[in-house]
């Protein structure tokens, strides 16, 4: 879970890379030099009522 960005931001490749790099860094893992490319994220956005 993150409060970083709007749900639509997760469809942007550079934002996806930022999140992946941050996760690796936080876990003490080596940040991947090669990027497999944009992930197809199909999660509906709903406004809480």
PDB file of N, CA and C in Angstrom:
ATOM      1  N   UNK A   1       0.848  -1.164   0.000  1.00  0.00           N
ATOM      2  CA  UNK A   1       0.000   0.000   0.000  1.00  0.00           C
ATOM      3  C   UNK A   1       0.893   1.226   0.000  1.00  0.00           C
ATOM      4  N   UNK A   2       0.498   2.219  -0.745  1.00  0.00           N
ATOM      5  CA  UNK A   2       1.214   3.489  -0.760  1.00  0.00           C
ATOM      6  C   UNK A   2       0.225   4.630  -0.920  1.00  0.00           C
ATOM      7  N   UNK A   3       0.587   5.768  -0.392  1.00  0.00           N
ATOM      8  CA  UNK A   3      -0.221   6.965  -0.605  1.00  0.00           C
ATOM      9  C   UNK A   3       0.436   7.843  -1.653  1.00  0.00           C
ATOM     10  N   UNK A   4       1.422   7.263  -2.341  1.00  0.00           N
ATOM     11  CA  UNK A   4       2.184   7.984  -3.347  1.00  0.00           C
ATOM     12  C   UNK A   4       1.437   7.972  -4.671  1.00  0.00           C
ATOM     13  N   UNK A   5       1.026   9.138  -5.143  1.00  0.00           N
ATOM     14  CA  UNK A   5       0.435   9.234  -6.461  1.00  0.00           C
ATOM     15  C   UNK A   5      -1.041   8.889  -6.537  1.00  0.00           C
ATOM     16  N   UNK A   6      -1.622   9.263  -7.645  1.00  0.00           N
ATOM     17  CA  UNK A   6      -3.008   8.974  -7.985  1.00  0.00           C
ATOM     18  C   UNK A   6      -3.041   7.596  -8.642  1.00  0.00           C
ATOM     19  N   UNK A   7      -4.113   6.847  -8.533  1.00  0.00           N
ATOM     20  CA  UNK A   7      -4.158   5.517  -9.155  1.00  0.00           C
ATOM     21  C   UNK A   7      -3.748   5.502 -10.630  1.00  0.00           C
ATOM     22  N   UNK A   8      -4.078   6.548 -11.367  1.00  0.00           N
ATOM     23  CA  UNK A   8      -3.700   6.604 -12.784  1.00  0.00           C
ATOM     24  C   UNK A   8      -2.186   6.710 -12.950  1.00  0.00           C
ATOM     25  N   UNK A   9      -1.482   7.247 -11.943  1.00  0.00           N
ATOM     26  CA  UNK A   9      -0.027   7.379 -12.015  1.00  0.00           C
ATOM     27  C   UNK A   9       0.655   6.024 -12.147  1.00  0.00           C
ATOM     28  N   UNK A  10       0.047   4.985 -11.609  1.00  0.00           N
ATOM     29  CA  UNK A  10       0.646   3.660 -11.644  1.00  0.00           C
ATOM     30  C   UNK A  10       0.643   3.053 -13.043  1.00  0.00           C
ATOM     31  N   UNK A  11       0.001   3.688 -13.992  1.00  0.00           N
ATOM     32  CA  UNK A  11       0.028   3.231 -15.386  1.00  0.00           C
ATOM     33  C   UNK A  11       1.169   3.877 -16.167  1.00  0.00           C
ATOM     34  N   UNK A  12       1.871   4.840 -15.534  1.00  0.00           N
ATOM     35  CA  UNK A  12       2.980   5.549 -16.176  1.00  0.00           C
ATOM     36  C   UNK A  12       4.275   4.779 -15.913  1.00  0.00           C
ATOM     37  N   UNK A  13       5.000   4.451 -16.980  1.00  0.00           N
ATOM     38  CA  UNK A  13       6.183   3.603 -16.858  1.00  0.00           C
ATOM     39  C   UNK A  13       7.240   4.192 -15.920  1.00  0.00           C
ATOM     40  N   UNK A  14       7.504   5.482 -16.016  1.00  0.00           N
ATOM     41  CA  UNK A  14       8.539   6.077 -15.154  1.00  0.00           C
ATOM     42  C   UNK A  14       8.137   6.030 -13.678  1.00  0.00           C
ATOM     43  N   UNK A  15       6.853   6.157 -13.388  1.00  0.00           N
ATOM     44  CA  UNK A  15       6.366   6.061 -12.010  1.00  0.00           C
ATOM     45  C   UNK A  15       6.494   4.625 -11.508  1.00  0.00           C
ATOM     46  N   UNK A  16       6.176   3.660 -12.362  1.00  0.00           N
ATOM     47  CA  UNK A  16       6.335   2.256 -11.996  1.00  0.00           C
ATOM     48  C   UNK A  16       7.787   1.965 -11.638  1.00  0.00           C
ATOM     49  N   UNK A  17       8.706   2.491 -12.434  1.00  0.00           N
ATOM     50  CA  UNK A  17      10.129   2.273 -12.184  1.00  0.00           C
ATOM     51  C   UNK A  17      10.546   2.899 -10.854  1.00  0.00           C
ATOM     52  N   UNK A  18      10.044   4.080 -10.562  1.00  0.00           N
ATOM     53  CA  UNK A  18      10.340   4.748  -9.294  1.00  0.00           C
ATOM     54  C   UNK A  18       9.909   3.885  -8.115  1.00  0.00           C
ATOM     55  N   UNK A  19       8.719   3.333  -8.181  1.00  0.00           N
ATOM     56  CA  UNK A  19       8.197   2.502  -7.090  1.00  0.00           C
ATOM     57  C   UNK A  19       9.013   1.220  -6.955  1.00  0.00           C
ATOM     58  N   UNK A  20       9.321   0.569  -8.069  1.00  0.00           N
ATOM     59  CA  UNK A  20      10.120  -0.667  -8.036  1.00  0.00           C
ATOM     60  C   UNK A  20      11.506  -0.394  -7.444  1.00  0.00           C
ATOM     61  N   UNK A  21      12.138   0.689  -7.877  1.00  0.00           N
ATOM     62  CA  UNK A  21      13.455   1.041  -7.333  1.00  0.00           C
ATOM     63  C   UNK A  21      13.376   1.297  -5.835  1.00  0.00           C
ATOM     64  N   UNK A  22      12.344   2.001  -5.386  1.00  0.00           N
ATOM     65  CA  UNK A  22      12.186   2.303  -3.964  1.00  0.00           C
ATOM     66  C   UNK A  22      11.989   1.031  -3.139  1.00  0.00           C
ATOM     67  N   UNK A  23      11.212   0.100  -3.651  1.00  0.00           N
ATOM     68  CA  UNK A  23      10.981  -1.162  -2.949  1.00  0.00           C
ATOM     69  C   UNK A  23      12.295  -1.932  -2.817  1.00  0.00           C
ATOM     70  N   UNK A  24      13.040  -2.031  -3.898  1.00  0.00           N
ATOM     71  CA  UNK A  24      14.326  -2.732  -3.848  1.00  0.00           C
ATOM     72  C   UNK A  24      15.276  -2.070  -2.844  1.00  0.00           C
ATOM     73  N   UNK A  25      15.372  -0.746  -2.904  1.00  0.00           N
ATOM     74  CA  UNK A  25      16.275  -0.018  -2.014  1.00  0.00           C
ATOM     75  C   UNK A  25      15.876  -0.223  -0.551  1.00  0.00           C
ATOM     76  N   UNK A  26      14.602  -0.155  -0.255  1.00  0.00           N
ATOM     77  CA  UNK A  26      14.120  -0.316   1.119  1.00  0.00           C
ATOM     78  C   UNK A  26      14.379  -1.720   1.650  1.00  0.00           C
ATOM     79  N   UNK A  27      14.299  -2.710   0.785  1.00  0.00           N
ATOM     80  CA  UNK A  27      14.542  -4.092   1.202  1.00  0.00           C
ATOM     81  C   UNK A  27      16.027  -4.451   1.230  1.00  0.00           C
ATOM     82  N   UNK A  28      16.873  -3.468   0.864  1.00  0.00           N
ATOM     83  CA  UNK A  28      18.304  -3.712   0.865  1.00  0.00           C
ATOM     84  C   UNK A  28      18.760  -4.545  -0.315  1.00  0.00           C
ATOM     85  N   UNK A  29      17.929  -4.607  -1.350  1.00  0.00           N
ATOM     86  CA  UNK A  29      18.259  -5.361  -2.555  1.00  0.00           C
ATOM     87  C   UNK A  29      18.907  -4.433  -3.582  1.00  0.00           C
ATOM     88  N   UNK A  30      19.654  -5.021  -4.489  1.00  0.00           N
ATOM     89  CA  UNK A  30      20.249  -4.258  -5.562  1.00  0.00           C
ATOM     90  C   UNK A  30      19.145  -3.758  -6.496  1.00  0.00           C
ATOM     91  N   UNK A  31      19.197  -2.478  -6.821  1.00  0.00           N
ATOM     92  CA  UNK A  31      18.216  -1.916  -7.754  1.00  0.00           C
ATOM     93  C   UNK A  31      18.533  -2.448  -9.147  1.00  0.00           C
ATOM     94  N   UNK A  32      17.553  -3.054  -9.827  1.00  0.00           N
ATOM     95  CA  UNK A  32      17.816  -3.633 -11.151  1.00  0.00           C
ATOM     96  C   UNK A  32      18.248  -2.572 -12.161  1.00  0.00           C
ATOM     97  N   UNK A  33      19.318  -2.865 -12.898  1.00  0.00           N
ATOM     98  CA  UNK A  33      19.772  -1.946 -13.950  1.00  0.00           C
ATOM     99  C   UNK A  33      18.893  -2.078 -15.187  1.00  0.00           C
ATOM    100  N   UNK A  34      18.474  -3.310 -15.475  1.00  0.00           N
ATOM    101  CA  UNK A  34      17.612  -3.537 -16.635  1.00  0.00           C
ATOM    102  C   UNK A  34      16.151  -3.459 -16.199  1.00  0.00           C
ATOM    103  N   UNK A  35      15.366  -2.845 -17.016  1.00  0.00           N
ATOM    104  CA  UNK A  35      13.932  -2.700 -16.754  1.00  0.00           C
ATOM    105  C   UNK A  35      13.188  -3.558 -17.749  1.00  0.00           C
ATOM    106  N   UNK A  36      12.305  -4.413 -17.259  1.00  0.00           N
ATOM    107  CA  UNK A  36      11.569  -5.317 -18.160  1.00  0.00           C
ATOM    108  C   UNK A  36      10.497  -4.584 -18.949  1.00  0.00           C
ATOM    109  N   UNK A  37      10.222  -3.362 -18.579  1.00  0.00           N
ATOM    110  CA  UNK A  37       9.241  -2.571 -19.317  1.00  0.00           C
ATOM    111  C   UNK A  37       7.984  -2.333 -18.511  1.00  0.00           C
ATOM    112  N   UNK A  38       7.145  -1.544 -19.087  1.00  0.00           N
ATOM    113  CA  UNK A  38       5.903  -1.130 -18.445  1.00  0.00           C
ATOM    114  C   UNK A  38       5.022  -2.320 -18.092  1.00  0.00           C
ATOM    115  N   UNK A  39       4.476  -2.281 -16.870  1.00  0.00           N
ATOM    116  CA  UNK A  39       3.542  -3.322 -16.430  1.00  0.00           C
ATOM    117  C   UNK A  39       2.124  -2.891 -16.772  1.00  0.00           C
ATOM    118  N   UNK A  40       1.325  -3.824 -17.185  1.00  0.00           N
ATOM    119  CA  UNK A  40      -0.070  -3.542 -17.501  1.00  0.00           C
ATOM    120  C   UNK A  40      -0.884  -3.694 -16.213  1.00  0.00           C
ATOM    121  N   UNK A  41      -1.217  -2.572 -15.604  1.00  0.00           N
ATOM    122  CA  UNK A  41      -1.944  -2.595 -14.334  1.00  0.00           C
ATOM    123  C   UNK A  41      -3.391  -2.192 -14.616  1.00  0.00           C
ATOM    124  N   UNK A  42      -4.293  -3.118 -14.402  1.00  0.00           N
ATOM    125  CA  UNK A  42      -5.714  -2.892 -14.663  1.00  0.00           C
ATOM    126  C   UNK A  42      -6.488  -2.979 -13.350  1.00  0.00           C
ATOM    127  N   UNK A  43      -6.392  -1.932 -12.568  1.00  0.00           N
ATOM    128  CA  UNK A  43      -7.105  -1.893 -11.294  1.00  0.00           C
ATOM    129  C   UNK A  43      -8.107  -0.748 -11.357  1.00  0.00           C
ATOM    130  N   UNK A  44      -9.372  -1.033 -11.137  1.00  0.00           N
ATOM    131  CA  UNK A  44     -10.370   0.039 -11.218  1.00  0.00           C
ATOM    132  C   UNK A  44     -10.188   1.044 -10.090  1.00  0.00           C
ATOM    133  N   UNK A  45     -10.438   2.281 -10.401  1.00  0.00           N
ATOM    134  CA  UNK A  45     -10.358   3.371  -9.417  1.00  0.00           C
ATOM    135  C   UNK A  45     -11.765   3.707  -8.963  1.00  0.00           C
ATOM    136  N   UNK A  46     -11.978   3.620  -7.662  1.00  0.00           N
ATOM    137  CA  UNK A  46     -13.304   3.962  -7.104  1.00  0.00           C
ATOM    138  C   UNK A  46     -13.141   5.041  -6.045  1.00  0.00           C
ATOM    139  N   UNK A  47     -13.998   5.983  -6.067  1.00  0.00           N
ATOM    140  CA  UNK A  47     -13.995   7.037  -5.052  1.00  0.00           C
ATOM    141  C   UNK A  47     -14.798   6.532  -3.870  1.00  0.00           C
ATOM    142  N   UNK A  48     -14.219   6.599  -2.677  1.00  0.00           N
ATOM    143  CA  UNK A  48     -14.923   6.168  -1.455  1.00  0.00           C
ATOM    144  C   UNK A  48     -16.041   7.137  -1.149  1.00  0.00           C
ATOM    145  N   UNK A  49     -17.169   6.588  -0.748  1.00  0.00           N
ATOM    146  CA  UNK A  49     -18.322   7.442  -0.418  1.00  0.00           C
ATOM    147  C   UNK A  49     -18.554   7.467   1.059  1.00  0.00           C
TER     148      UNK A  49
END
